[in-house]
């Protein structure tokens, strides 16, 4: 027996609606901020709010199904950058954190941060090697080594091999490096 289309849709909607998470509703907050900044009169704001009600439905769905879930699992809202509301320090009725393992006190996935190279310094210790010291915007450091092997370069990041690029490949990127002859 094949399930009907309505049963599949109803089951999907139920599964999706049960997978949402509580959070700060940042997308809805951005729409509300727009609503408040659009006009200075409370009645006009109320009217605009009524006109935007379908959009509010979409933003609440986006928050509930996507952004609040990301906020919960990473501990940080991907839009506002604020910590998850469940990580707020407040007086509580029941204290259990002191009895829990440390792994159960924080978000399980590291916050979604954009680690970018802040600066890098390149030196050529010899004709076959380049070494780049990298400093990221997070303060972390790394060392990238490039070692010529025949007509290609092996790249290592903090001692771990990550890639090999040949002369043709590098020239395809518009790079003409002195260490590749």
C-alpha atoms as a PDB file:
ATOM      1  CA  UNK A   1       0.000   0.000   0.000  1.00  0.00           C
ATOM      2  CA  UNK A   2       1.427   3.374  -1.026  1.00  0.00           C
ATOM      3  CA  UNK A   3       1.074   6.264   1.412  1.00  0.00           C
ATOM      4  CA  UNK A   4      -0.910   9.175   0.048  1.00  0.00           C
ATOM      5  CA  UNK A   5       0.709  12.489  -0.751  1.00  0.00           C
ATOM      6  CA  UNK A   6      -1.112  14.191   2.130  1.00  0.00           C
ATOM      7  CA  UNK A   7       0.218  11.611   4.624  1.00  0.00           C
ATOM      8  CA  UNK A   8       3.780  12.184   3.378  1.00  0.00           C
ATOM      9  CA  UNK A   9       3.376  15.979   3.596  1.00  0.00           C
ATOM     10  CA  UNK A  10       1.787  15.789   7.059  1.00  0.00           C
ATOM     11  CA  UNK A  11       4.539  13.496   8.325  1.00  0.00           C
ATOM     12  CA  UNK A  12       7.235  15.757   6.869  1.00  0.00           C
ATOM     13  CA  UNK A  13       5.697  18.875   8.399  1.00  0.00           C
ATOM     14  CA  UNK A  14       5.420  17.154  11.770  1.00  0.00           C
ATOM     15  CA  UNK A  15       9.034  15.924  11.631  1.00  0.00           C
ATOM     16  CA  UNK A  16      10.338  19.342  10.638  1.00  0.00           C
ATOM     17  CA  UNK A  17       8.270  21.160  13.253  1.00  0.00           C
ATOM     18  CA  UNK A  18       9.569  18.856  15.986  1.00  0.00           C
ATOM     19  CA  UNK A  19      13.183  19.471  14.972  1.00  0.00           C
ATOM     20  CA  UNK A  20      13.199  23.222  15.661  1.00  0.00           C
ATOM     21  CA  UNK A  21      14.985  24.813  18.580  1.00  0.00           C
ATOM     22  CA  UNK A  22      14.399  27.682  20.913  1.00  0.00           C
ATOM     23  CA  UNK A  23      16.705  30.645  20.429  1.00  0.00           C
ATOM     24  CA  UNK A  24      16.872  34.410  20.120  1.00  0.00           C
ATOM     25  CA  UNK A  25      14.892  34.572  16.852  1.00  0.00           C
ATOM     26  CA  UNK A  26      17.428  36.897  15.234  1.00  0.00           C
ATOM     27  CA  UNK A  27      15.827  36.916  11.764  1.00  0.00           C
ATOM     28  CA  UNK A  28      12.456  37.903  13.236  1.00  0.00           C
ATOM     29  CA  UNK A  29      14.269  40.497  15.337  1.00  0.00           C
ATOM     30  CA  UNK A  30      15.758  42.044  12.189  1.00  0.00           C
ATOM     31  CA  UNK A  31      12.288  42.293  10.638  1.00  0.00           C
ATOM     32  CA  UNK A  32      10.914  43.825  13.832  1.00  0.00           C
ATOM     33  CA  UNK A  33      13.770  46.350  13.844  1.00  0.00           C
ATOM     34  CA  UNK A  34      12.863  47.277  10.246  1.00  0.00           C
ATOM     35  CA  UNK A  35       9.208  47.609  11.273  1.00  0.00           C
ATOM     36  CA  UNK A  36      10.143  50.018  14.078  1.00  0.00           C
ATOM     37  CA  UNK A  37      12.545  52.066  11.955  1.00  0.00           C
ATOM     38  CA  UNK A  38      10.209  52.368   8.967  1.00  0.00           C
ATOM     39  CA  UNK A  39       7.902  54.975  10.539  1.00  0.00           C
ATOM     40  CA  UNK A  40       7.726  56.912  13.811  1.00  0.00           C
ATOM     41  CA  UNK A  41       3.973  56.570  14.528  1.00  0.00           C
ATOM     42  CA  UNK A  42       2.689  53.699  16.679  1.00  0.00           C
ATOM     43  CA  UNK A  43      -0.473  53.241  14.604  1.00  0.00           C
ATOM     44  CA  UNK A  44       1.462  53.235  11.333  1.00  0.00           C
ATOM     45  CA  UNK A  45       3.821  50.682  12.869  1.00  0.00           C
ATOM     46  CA  UNK A  46       0.803  48.580  13.811  1.00  0.00           C
ATOM     47  CA  UNK A  47      -0.522  48.799  10.255  1.00  0.00           C
ATOM     48  CA  UNK A  48       2.868  47.888   8.808  1.00  0.00           C
ATOM     49  CA  UNK A  49       3.034  44.985  11.242  1.00  0.00           C
ATOM     50  CA  UNK A  50      -0.275  43.683   9.872  1.00  0.00           C
ATOM     51  CA  UNK A  51       0.977  44.036   6.287  1.00  0.00           C
ATOM     52  CA  UNK A  52       4.185  42.221   7.169  1.00  0.00           C
ATOM     53  CA  UNK A  53       2.437  39.352   8.979  1.00  0.00           C
ATOM     54  CA  UNK A  54       3.119  36.841   6.145  1.00  0.00           C
ATOM     55  CA  UNK A  55       6.798  37.857   6.230  1.00  0.00           C
ATOM     56  CA  UNK A  56       6.842  37.428  10.013  1.00  0.00           C
ATOM     57  CA  UNK A  57       5.559  33.874   9.460  1.00  0.00           C
ATOM     58  CA  UNK A  58       8.483  33.166   7.146  1.00  0.00           C
ATOM     59  CA  UNK A  59      11.062  34.704   9.501  1.00  0.00           C
ATOM     60  CA  UNK A  60       9.712  32.752  12.469  1.00  0.00           C
ATOM     61  CA  UNK A  61       9.925  29.549  10.415  1.00  0.00           C
ATOM     62  CA  UNK A  62      13.507  30.394   9.358  1.00  0.00           C
ATOM     63  CA  UNK A  63      14.445  31.091  12.980  1.00  0.00           C
ATOM     64  CA  UNK A  64      12.718  28.010  14.349  1.00  0.00           C
ATOM     65  CA  UNK A  65      13.965  25.533  11.786  1.00  0.00           C
ATOM     66  CA  UNK A  66      17.416  26.880  10.873  1.00  0.00           C
ATOM     67  CA  UNK A  67      18.936  29.753  12.810  1.00  0.00           C
ATOM     68  CA  UNK A  68      17.795  28.830  16.337  1.00  0.00           C
ATOM     69  CA  UNK A  69      19.003  25.268  15.726  1.00  0.00           C
ATOM     70  CA  UNK A  70      22.421  26.567  14.645  1.00  0.00           C
ATOM     71  CA  UNK A  71      22.431  28.844  17.688  1.00  0.00           C
ATOM     72  CA  UNK A  72      21.632  25.960  20.040  1.00  0.00           C
ATOM     73  CA  UNK A  73      24.182  23.511  18.657  1.00  0.00           C
ATOM     74  CA  UNK A  74      27.025  26.024  18.226  1.00  0.00           C
ATOM     75  CA  UNK A  75      26.295  28.174  21.281  1.00  0.00           C
ATOM     76  CA  UNK A  76      26.315  31.354  19.183  1.00  0.00           C
ATOM     77  CA  UNK A  77      23.721  32.940  16.899  1.00  0.00           C
ATOM     78  CA  UNK A  78      25.094  33.012  13.329  1.00  0.00           C
ATOM     79  CA  UNK A  79      23.378  36.345  12.576  1.00  0.00           C
ATOM     80  CA  UNK A  80      23.740  38.414  15.730  1.00  0.00           C
ATOM     81  CA  UNK A  81      26.876  36.722  17.101  1.00  0.00           C
ATOM     82  CA  UNK A  82      25.256  36.640  20.548  1.00  0.00           C
ATOM     83  CA  UNK A  83      25.592  33.603  22.816  1.00  0.00           C
ATOM     84  CA  UNK A  84      22.617  31.242  23.019  1.00  0.00           C
ATOM     85  CA  UNK A  85      20.020  32.258  25.591  1.00  0.00           C
ATOM     86  CA  UNK A  86      20.355  28.887  27.334  1.00  0.00           C
ATOM     87  CA  UNK A  87      23.943  29.821  28.187  1.00  0.00           C
ATOM     88  CA  UNK A  88      22.796  32.924  30.112  1.00  0.00           C
ATOM     89  CA  UNK A  89      23.828  33.218  33.730  1.00  0.00           C
ATOM     90  CA  UNK A  90      20.777  33.744  35.923  1.00  0.00           C
ATOM     91  CA  UNK A  91      19.374  32.622  39.229  1.00  0.00           C
ATOM     92  CA  UNK A  92      17.835  29.180  38.843  1.00  0.00           C
ATOM     93  CA  UNK A  93      15.457  27.037  40.841  1.00  0.00           C
ATOM     94  CA  UNK A  94      17.465  23.845  40.312  1.00  0.00           C
ATOM     95  CA  UNK A  95      21.274  23.793  40.086  1.00  0.00           C
ATOM     96  CA  UNK A  96      22.751  20.753  38.320  1.00  0.00           C
ATOM     97  CA  UNK A  97      25.809  22.098  36.476  1.00  0.00           C
ATOM     98  CA  UNK A  98      28.168  21.362  39.382  1.00  0.00           C
ATOM     99  CA  UNK A  99      27.295  17.660  39.142  1.00  0.00           C
ATOM    100  CA  UNK A 100      27.709  17.338  35.361  1.00  0.00           C
ATOM    101  CA  UNK A 101      30.667  16.442  33.207  1.00  0.00           C
ATOM    102  CA  UNK A 102      32.269  19.490  31.547  1.00  0.00           C
ATOM    103  CA  UNK A 103      31.265  18.197  28.092  1.00  0.00           C
ATOM    104  CA  UNK A 104      27.595  18.648  29.024  1.00  0.00           C
ATOM    105  CA  UNK A 105      27.910  22.308  29.993  1.00  0.00           C
ATOM    106  CA  UNK A 106      28.698  23.892  26.617  1.00  0.00           C
ATOM    107  CA  UNK A 107      27.526  23.701  23.027  1.00  0.00           C
ATOM    108  CA  UNK A 108      28.827  20.550  21.324  1.00  0.00           C
ATOM    109  CA  UNK A 109      29.893  22.269  18.095  1.00  0.00           C
ATOM    110  CA  UNK A 110      32.352  25.138  18.096  1.00  0.00           C
ATOM    111  CA  UNK A 111      30.786  28.492  17.243  1.00  0.00           C
ATOM    112  CA  UNK A 112      30.721  29.236  13.551  1.00  0.00           C
ATOM    113  CA  UNK A 113      33.536  31.716  13.289  1.00  0.00           C
ATOM    114  CA  UNK A 114      35.293  32.999  10.284  1.00  0.00           C
ATOM    115  CA  UNK A 115      38.917  32.320  10.942  1.00  0.00           C
ATOM    116  CA  UNK A 116      40.785  34.464   8.484  1.00  0.00           C
ATOM    117  CA  UNK A 117      44.448  35.141   7.925  1.00  0.00           C
ATOM    118  CA  UNK A 118      45.342  38.440   9.533  1.00  0.00           C
ATOM    119  CA  UNK A 119      48.929  38.448   8.332  1.00  0.00           C
ATOM    120  CA  UNK A 120      51.570  36.159   6.975  1.00  0.00           C
ATOM    121  CA  UNK A 121      55.322  36.385   6.645  1.00  0.00           C
ATOM    122  CA  UNK A 122      57.107  34.420   3.943  1.00  0.00           C
ATOM    123  CA  UNK A 123      60.759  33.452   4.057  1.00  0.00           C
ATOM    124  CA  UNK A 124      62.796  31.265   1.698  1.00  0.00           C
ATOM    125  CA  UNK A 125      65.282  29.297   3.840  1.00  0.00           C
ATOM    126  CA  UNK A 126      66.797  27.792   0.666  1.00  0.00           C
ATOM    127  CA  UNK A 127      66.111  27.499  -3.068  1.00  0.00           C
ATOM    128  CA  UNK A 128      63.734  24.545  -2.575  1.00  0.00           C
ATOM    129  CA  UNK A 129      61.740  25.679   0.454  1.00  0.00           C
ATOM    130  CA  UNK A 130      59.320  28.416   1.398  1.00  0.00           C
ATOM    131  CA  UNK A 131      57.999  28.928   4.890  1.00  0.00           C
ATOM    132  CA  UNK A 132      55.025  31.128   5.765  1.00  0.00           C
ATOM    133  CA  UNK A 133      54.180  31.997   9.346  1.00  0.00           C
ATOM    134  CA  UNK A 134      50.428  32.658   9.497  1.00  0.00           C
ATOM    135  CA  UNK A 135      48.596  34.648  12.174  1.00  0.00           C
ATOM    136  CA  UNK A 136      44.795  34.351  12.166  1.00  0.00           C
ATOM    137  CA  UNK A 137      42.306  36.962  13.375  1.00  0.00           C
ATOM    138  CA  UNK A 138      41.595  34.651  16.340  1.00  0.00           C
ATOM    139  CA  UNK A 139      45.227  34.927  17.486  1.00  0.00           C
ATOM    140  CA  UNK A 140      46.008  31.342  16.458  1.00  0.00           C
ATOM    141  CA  UNK A 141      49.228  30.705  14.575  1.00  0.00           C
ATOM    142  CA  UNK A 142      50.220  28.178  11.938  1.00  0.00           C
ATOM    143  CA  UNK A 143      53.221  27.446   9.747  1.00  0.00           C
ATOM    144  CA  UNK A 144      52.872  26.592   6.061  1.00  0.00           C
ATOM    145  CA  UNK A 145      55.855  24.914   4.413  1.00  0.00           C
ATOM    146  CA  UNK A 146      56.304  24.477   0.686  1.00  0.00           C
ATOM    147  CA  UNK A 147      59.012  22.035  -0.386  1.00  0.00           C
ATOM    148  CA  UNK A 148      59.979  21.531  -4.018  1.00  0.00           C
ATOM    149  CA  UNK A 149      59.990  17.923  -5.146  1.00  0.00           C
ATOM    150  CA  UNK A 150      61.020  17.679  -8.818  1.00  0.00           C
ATOM    151  CA  UNK A 151      58.580  19.920 -10.770  1.00  0.00           C
ATOM    152  CA  UNK A 152      55.997  20.282  -8.026  1.00  0.00           C
ATOM    153  CA  UNK A 153      55.638  21.656  -4.512  1.00  0.00           C
ATOM    154  CA  UNK A 154      54.403  19.698  -1.489  1.00  0.00           C
ATOM    155  CA  UNK A 155      52.585  21.876   1.043  1.00  0.00           C
ATOM    156  CA  UNK A 156      52.491  21.125   4.760  1.00  0.00           C
ATOM    157  CA  UNK A 157      50.436  22.967   7.367  1.00  0.00           C
ATOM    158  CA  UNK A 158      51.879  22.586  10.851  1.00  0.00           C
ATOM    159  CA  UNK A 159      53.828  19.550   9.680  1.00  0.00           C
ATOM    160  CA  UNK A 160      50.856  17.753   8.092  1.00  0.00           C
ATOM    161  CA  UNK A 161      50.876  17.261   4.321  1.00  0.00           C
ATOM    162  CA  UNK A 162      47.905  19.035   2.739  1.00  0.00           C
ATOM    163  CA  UNK A 163      48.531  19.320  -1.014  1.00  0.00           C
ATOM    164  CA  UNK A 164      50.848  18.917  -3.987  1.00  0.00           C
ATOM    165  CA  UNK A 165      50.817  21.430  -6.830  1.00  0.00           C
ATOM    166  CA  UNK A 166      52.691  21.031 -10.086  1.00  0.00           C
ATOM    167  CA  UNK A 167      54.233  23.735 -12.276  1.00  0.00           C
ATOM    168  CA  UNK A 168      51.355  23.643 -14.795  1.00  0.00           C
ATOM    169  CA  UNK A 169      48.787  23.865 -12.038  1.00  0.00           C
ATOM    170  CA  UNK A 170      50.504  26.856 -10.412  1.00  0.00           C
ATOM    171  CA  UNK A 171      50.897  28.611 -13.760  1.00  0.00           C
ATOM    172  CA  UNK A 172      47.189  27.965 -14.380  1.00  0.00           C
ATOM    173  CA  UNK A 173      46.507  30.047 -11.294  1.00  0.00           C
ATOM    174  CA  UNK A 174      48.768  32.766 -12.647  1.00  0.00           C
ATOM    175  CA  UNK A 175      51.519  32.006 -10.164  1.00  0.00           C
ATOM    176  CA  UNK A 176      55.089  31.876 -11.303  1.00  0.00           C
ATOM    177  CA  UNK A 177      57.093  30.942  -8.259  1.00  0.00           C
ATOM    178  CA  UNK A 178      60.838  31.125  -8.190  1.00  0.00           C
ATOM    179  CA  UNK A 179      61.041  27.868  -6.250  1.00  0.00           C
ATOM    180  CA  UNK A 180      59.457  25.908  -9.130  1.00  0.00           C
ATOM    181  CA  UNK A 181      61.812  25.749 -12.117  1.00  0.00           C
END
